[in-house]
Amino acid sequence: MSSDTDHRPPGLPPCAVDVPMRVVAYTGAEQRSGTRALAVEAPVNLVYGSVPHAVMMATPADLADFAYGFSLTEGIIEDAAEIRGTRVEAGPEGLRLHVDLAPGRLREHLARKRAISGRTGCGVCGIEDLADLPRAAMRAAADLRVPLPAIARALAGLDAAQTLGAETRAVHAAAWAELDGTLVAVREDVGRHNALDKLIGALMRAEMPVDRGFLVITSRCSFEMVEKAARLGAAVIVAISAPTSLALERAQAHGITLCAIARADTVTVFTGAERLADA
């Protein structure tokens, strides 16, 4: 299972910090002092060709993956080869994530650049017109089949794979599972969109084939999450929480199988049930 959380460039903030606090036990009169791990939330400024593009509130881990995934789902690139490298600078006000685009792609990006301000949990901040809402052009492959036991196995594995989540209880996770339910990549972040972007970036960098697996996310499934999955080319999304109405519409439009309210022993299939097999 792939995770770069502990392999970050030097000088970056930690992913979690311990803060002193006094705990009051409401089942009795006992009080005790101790510490509590809190997830770190840091401003990350994505910069293309020395031109700032967006500030996202994110967990300072797996930032190279974040650069690739964000660039794809924002429509800045179409392929991992269009990024020549990434670099992180730490400053007193936050982090600068420099993304070195291929010259032709950089020119195209700067020609249509728009400024957006990101915040945790928001995927369309800064969009000024309804026509600018994300709309992926890709339609998922129709011949993928996912056994139902594989979904249960992936969900069980995800609990153990959320190391930062277990420590802080304050982050989301996105994972990629093979068709037997084995998790091959997991990314965590304070923002659900960021977690998925990081996962997408990790899959891109590893050249992972997306026609032989499925996505698992711990958050609710909004339309932005479906659009990001469509950009990747994923055919199946499994979400622990419920989808929104627009997420369902977009999943149907992209031909994506949307499974939600997923638990170890039950899952609700909102669209695309033909891709699921009993075994």
Protein backbone atom coordinates (compact mmCIF):
# COMPACT_ATOMS: atom_id res chain seq x y z
CA MET A 1 0.00 0.00 0.00
CA SER A 2 1.44 3.32 -1.05
CA SER A 3 1.79 6.33 1.25
CA ASP A 4 4.34 9.13 1.24
CA THR A 5 3.03 10.83 4.38
CA ASP A 6 6.27 10.16 6.28
CA HIS A 7 8.51 11.07 3.32
CA ARG A 8 8.06 14.80 3.08
CA PRO A 9 10.62 17.43 2.10
CA PRO A 10 12.45 18.87 5.12
CA GLY A 11 11.14 22.10 6.59
CA LEU A 12 7.44 21.34 6.16
CA PRO A 13 5.01 21.43 9.08
CA PRO A 14 4.04 18.09 10.65
CA CYS A 15 0.76 16.46 9.66
CA ALA A 16 -0.45 16.43 13.26
CA VAL A 17 0.47 18.32 16.43
CA ASP A 18 -0.10 17.48 20.08
CA VAL A 19 -1.82 20.19 22.10
CA PRO A 20 -2.27 20.18 25.88
CA MET A 21 -5.82 19.94 27.12
CA ARG A 22 -7.83 18.86 30.13
CA VAL A 23 -10.36 16.13 29.54
CA VAL A 24 -13.59 16.09 31.53
CA ALA A 25 -15.17 12.67 31.85
CA TYR A 26 -18.92 13.26 31.66
CA THR A 27 -19.69 9.82 33.00
CA GLY A 28 -18.21 10.85 36.33
CA ALA A 29 -16.47 13.63 38.21
CA GLU A 30 -12.95 12.67 37.15
CA GLN A 31 -10.81 15.25 35.36
CA ARG A 32 -7.39 14.58 33.87
CA SER A 33 -4.79 16.44 31.89
CA GLY A 34 -3.15 15.21 28.71
CA THR A 35 -2.60 15.98 25.06
CA ARG A 36 -4.70 15.63 21.95
CA ALA A 37 -3.42 15.20 18.40
CA LEU A 38 -4.87 17.74 15.98
CA ALA A 39 -4.59 17.58 12.20
CA VAL A 40 -2.45 20.36 10.73
CA GLU A 41 -4.21 22.62 8.26
CA ALA A 42 -1.86 24.82 6.23
CA PRO A 43 -2.34 27.23 3.31
CA VAL A 44 -0.79 25.79 0.16
CA ASN A 45 -0.32 28.19 -2.75
CA LEU A 46 -0.13 26.37 -6.09
CA VAL A 47 2.14 28.31 -8.43
CA TYR A 48 2.54 27.71 -12.16
CA GLY A 49 5.39 29.42 -13.98
CA SER A 50 5.95 31.81 -11.05
CA VAL A 51 2.27 32.89 -11.28
CA PRO A 52 0.12 32.04 -8.22
CA HIS A 53 -3.03 30.15 -9.17
CA ALA A 54 -4.85 29.00 -6.03
CA VAL A 55 -4.53 28.84 -2.26
CA MET A 56 -5.89 25.62 -0.79
CA MET A 57 -6.11 24.70 2.87
CA ALA A 58 -4.50 21.28 3.04
CA THR A 59 -2.56 18.78 5.11
CA PRO A 60 1.16 19.31 4.34
CA ALA A 61 1.86 15.80 3.07
CA ASP A 62 2.01 14.14 -0.36
CA LEU A 63 2.18 17.58 -1.97
CA ALA A 64 3.75 16.33 -5.20
CA ASP A 65 0.76 14.00 -5.59
CA PHE A 66 -1.50 16.95 -4.82
CA ALA A 67 0.13 19.02 -7.56
CA TYR A 68 -0.48 16.33 -10.18
CA GLY A 69 -4.03 15.51 -9.13
CA PHE A 70 -5.11 19.14 -8.71
CA SER A 71 -3.61 20.04 -12.09
CA LEU A 72 -5.52 17.24 -13.80
CA THR A 73 -8.88 17.82 -12.13
CA GLU A 74 -8.64 21.59 -12.67
CA GLY A 75 -8.07 20.98 -16.39
CA ILE A 76 -4.58 22.49 -16.33
CA ILE A 77 -3.00 19.29 -17.67
CA GLU A 78 -4.27 16.22 -19.49
CA ASP A 79 -1.33 13.91 -18.78
CA ALA A 80 1.33 13.45 -16.09
CA ALA A 81 4.08 14.04 -18.66
CA GLU A 82 3.00 17.68 -18.91
CA ILE A 83 4.45 18.30 -15.45
CA ARG A 84 8.25 18.41 -15.46
CA GLY A 85 8.65 18.66 -11.69
CA THR A 86 7.37 20.10 -8.43
CA ARG A 87 9.01 22.01 -5.60
CA VAL A 88 7.76 23.11 -2.16
CA GLU A 89 8.87 26.28 -0.39
CA ALA A 90 7.99 26.83 3.26
CA GLY A 91 7.45 30.40 4.43
CA PRO A 92 6.05 32.19 7.46
CA GLU A 93 2.59 32.50 5.89
CA GLY A 94 2.31 29.02 4.41
CA LEU A 95 3.64 26.78 1.65
CA ARG A 96 4.27 27.50 -2.00
CA LEU A 97 3.86 24.48 -4.26
CA HIS A 98 5.66 25.26 -7.51
CA VAL A 99 4.52 23.19 -10.49
CA ASP A 100 6.83 23.21 -13.50
CA LEU A 101 4.67 22.73 -16.61
CA ALA A 102 5.90 21.86 -20.07
CA PRO A 103 6.28 25.13 -22.04
CA GLY A 104 3.32 24.60 -24.35
CA ARG A 105 1.01 23.62 -21.53
CA LEU A 106 2.17 26.57 -19.43
CA ARG A 107 1.36 28.99 -22.24
CA GLU A 108 -2.12 27.51 -22.58
CA HIS A 109 -2.67 27.68 -18.83
CA LEU A 110 -1.57 31.29 -18.50
CA ALA A 111 -3.73 32.26 -21.46
CA ARG A 112 -6.87 31.11 -19.69
CA LYS A 113 -5.78 31.58 -16.09
CA ARG A 114 -8.41 32.45 -13.54
CA ALA A 115 -7.77 33.22 -9.88
CA ILE A 116 -9.55 31.08 -7.32
CA SER A 117 -9.41 31.02 -3.53
CA GLY A 118 -9.75 27.57 -1.98
CA ARG A 119 -10.92 26.56 1.44
CA THR A 120 -11.35 23.23 3.15
CA GLY A 121 -14.28 21.31 1.66
CA CYS A 122 -14.97 23.77 -1.18
CA GLY A 123 -14.40 22.71 -4.75
CA VAL A 124 -15.74 25.63 -6.81
CA CYS A 125 -14.56 28.71 -4.92
CA GLY A 126 -13.84 31.58 -7.28
CA ILE A 127 -15.98 30.38 -10.18
CA GLU A 128 -17.94 33.35 -11.48
CA ASP A 129 -20.27 31.77 -14.05
CA LEU A 130 -22.38 28.61 -14.13
CA ALA A 131 -20.74 27.68 -17.42
CA ASP A 132 -17.44 27.35 -15.56
CA LEU A 133 -18.61 24.49 -13.33
CA PRO A 134 -16.32 21.45 -13.76
CA ARG A 135 -17.45 19.09 -16.50
CA ALA A 136 -15.18 16.21 -17.40
CA ALA A 137 -15.34 14.97 -20.97
CA MET A 138 -14.40 11.37 -20.18
CA ARG A 139 -16.94 8.53 -20.00
CA ALA A 140 -16.08 5.49 -17.90
CA ALA A 141 -15.35 2.10 -19.47
CA ALA A 142 -18.43 -0.11 -19.54
CA ASP A 143 -16.84 -3.57 -19.21
CA LEU A 144 -15.47 -3.29 -15.65
CA ARG A 145 -16.93 -5.69 -13.07
CA VAL A 146 -16.44 -5.34 -9.31
CA PRO A 147 -17.34 -8.25 -7.00
CA LEU A 148 -19.42 -7.16 -4.03
CA PRO A 149 -17.07 -8.90 -1.54
CA ALA A 150 -14.26 -6.71 -2.89
CA ILE A 151 -16.09 -3.59 -1.71
CA ALA A 152 -16.39 -5.01 1.81
CA ARG A 153 -12.70 -5.95 1.79
CA ALA A 154 -11.67 -2.48 0.64
CA LEU A 155 -13.76 -0.82 3.35
CA ALA A 156 -12.25 -3.07 6.01
CA GLY A 157 -8.74 -2.28 4.80
CA LEU A 158 -9.37 1.44 4.70
CA ASP A 159 -9.98 1.60 8.45
CA ALA A 160 -6.48 0.28 9.14
CA ALA A 161 -4.88 2.41 6.42
CA GLN A 162 -6.02 5.78 7.80
CA THR A 163 -3.04 6.44 10.05
CA LEU A 164 -3.55 10.20 10.31
CA GLY A 165 -7.28 9.71 10.70
CA ALA A 166 -6.77 7.30 13.58
CA GLU A 167 -4.49 9.83 15.27
CA THR A 168 -6.61 12.96 14.79
CA ARG A 169 -10.17 11.94 13.83
CA ALA A 170 -10.19 15.05 11.65
CA VAL A 171 -9.22 14.09 8.09
CA HIS A 172 -10.74 12.48 5.03
CA ALA A 173 -9.28 9.62 3.02
CA ALA A 174 -9.41 8.51 -0.60
CA ALA A 175 -8.19 5.10 -1.71
CA TRP A 176 -7.71 3.04 -4.84
CA ALA A 177 -8.62 -0.64 -4.65
CA GLU A 178 -7.88 -3.45 -7.05
CA LEU A 179 -10.75 -5.61 -8.27
CA ASP A 180 -10.28 -8.03 -5.37
CA GLY A 181 -10.55 -5.20 -2.85
CA THR A 182 -6.83 -4.87 -2.09
CA LEU A 183 -5.91 -1.25 -1.40
CA VAL A 184 -2.88 -0.11 -3.38
CA ALA A 185 -2.89 3.63 -2.58
CA VAL A 186 -4.39 5.74 0.20
CA ARG A 187 -4.15 9.50 0.73
CA GLU A 188 -5.47 11.61 3.62
CA ASP A 189 -6.17 15.33 4.00
CA VAL A 190 -8.25 17.78 6.01
CA GLY A 191 -10.12 18.49 2.76
CA ARG A 192 -12.06 15.75 1.00
CA HIS A 193 -11.31 17.23 -2.42
CA ASN A 194 -7.62 17.44 -1.56
CA ALA A 195 -7.52 13.80 -0.44
CA LEU A 196 -8.97 12.72 -3.78
CA ASP A 197 -6.63 14.99 -5.73
CA LYS A 198 -3.67 13.54 -3.86
CA LEU A 199 -4.82 10.02 -4.65
CA ILE A 200 -5.35 10.88 -8.32
CA GLY A 201 -1.87 12.38 -8.45
CA ALA A 202 -0.36 9.29 -6.86
CA LEU A 203 -2.07 7.05 -9.43
CA MET A 204 -0.90 9.29 -12.27
CA ARG A 205 2.70 9.30 -11.08
CA ALA A 206 2.69 5.52 -10.65
CA GLU A 207 1.04 5.06 -14.07
CA MET A 208 -1.60 2.93 -12.38
CA PRO A 209 -4.19 1.53 -14.84
CA VAL A 210 -7.62 2.82 -13.83
CA ASP A 211 -9.60 0.22 -15.76
CA ARG A 212 -8.83 -2.46 -13.16
CA GLY A 213 -9.95 -0.97 -9.87
CA PHE A 214 -12.28 1.42 -8.04
CA LEU A 215 -12.29 4.49 -5.81
CA VAL A 216 -13.21 4.48 -2.12
CA ILE A 217 -13.82 7.78 -0.31
CA THR A 218 -14.68 8.45 3.32
CA SER A 219 -16.62 11.65 2.67
CA ARG A 220 -19.98 12.44 1.18
CA CYS A 221 -20.01 12.20 -2.59
CA SER A 222 -20.64 15.64 -4.08
CA PHE A 223 -20.65 16.50 -7.77
CA GLU A 224 -17.06 17.76 -7.57
CA MET A 225 -15.91 14.34 -6.35
CA VAL A 226 -17.68 12.68 -9.28
CA GLU A 227 -16.13 15.14 -11.74
CA LYS A 228 -12.66 14.45 -10.35
CA ALA A 229 -13.26 10.70 -10.65
CA ALA A 230 -14.41 11.20 -14.24
CA ARG A 231 -11.25 13.16 -15.05
CA LEU A 232 -9.27 10.21 -13.80
CA GLY A 233 -11.38 7.79 -15.82
CA ALA A 234 -12.59 5.79 -12.81
CA ALA A 235 -15.67 3.68 -13.45
CA VAL A 236 -16.76 2.94 -9.86
CA ILE A 237 -16.96 5.15 -6.77
CA VAL A 238 -17.66 3.74 -3.32
CA ALA A 239 -18.51 6.42 -0.74
CA ILE A 240 -19.08 5.93 2.94
CA SER A 241 -21.58 8.80 3.08
CA ALA A 242 -24.53 9.61 0.83
CA PRO A 243 -24.30 11.38 -2.53
CA THR A 244 -25.95 14.65 -3.48
CA SER A 245 -28.57 14.87 -6.22
CA LEU A 246 -26.14 16.56 -8.63
CA ALA A 247 -23.49 13.93 -7.90
CA LEU A 248 -25.97 11.28 -9.00
CA GLU A 249 -26.81 13.21 -12.17
CA ARG A 250 -23.14 13.58 -13.05
CA ALA A 251 -22.40 9.93 -12.32
CA GLN A 252 -25.21 8.92 -14.69
CA ALA A 253 -23.95 11.31 -17.36
CA HIS A 254 -20.40 9.93 -17.11
CA GLY A 255 -21.49 6.30 -16.91
CA ILE A 256 -19.99 5.92 -13.44
CA THR A 257 -21.24 3.34 -10.96
CA LEU A 258 -22.01 5.17 -7.73
CA CYS A 259 -22.17 3.13 -4.52
CA ALA A 260 -22.73 5.02 -1.28
CA ILE A 261 -23.69 4.67 2.37
CA ALA A 262 -21.20 1.82 2.19
CA ARG A 263 -20.56 -0.40 5.19
CA ALA A 264 -18.93 -3.78 5.68
CA ASP A 265 -22.27 -5.57 5.37
CA THR A 266 -24.32 -3.26 3.15
CA VAL A 267 -24.02 -0.82 0.27
CA THR A 268 -26.57 1.22 -1.65
CA VAL A 269 -26.08 1.34 -5.42
CA PHE A 270 -27.50 4.57 -6.82
CA THR A 271 -26.56 4.02 -10.47
CA GLY A 272 -24.58 1.57 -12.59
CA ALA A 273 -25.49 -1.64 -10.76
CA GLU A 274 -24.64 -3.67 -13.88
CA ARG A 275 -20.93 -3.37 -12.98
CA LEU A 276 -21.37 -5.21 -9.67
CA ALA A 277 -21.08 -8.97 -9.40
CA ASP A 278 -22.06 -11.26 -6.52
CA ALA A 279 -18.64 -12.88 -6.38
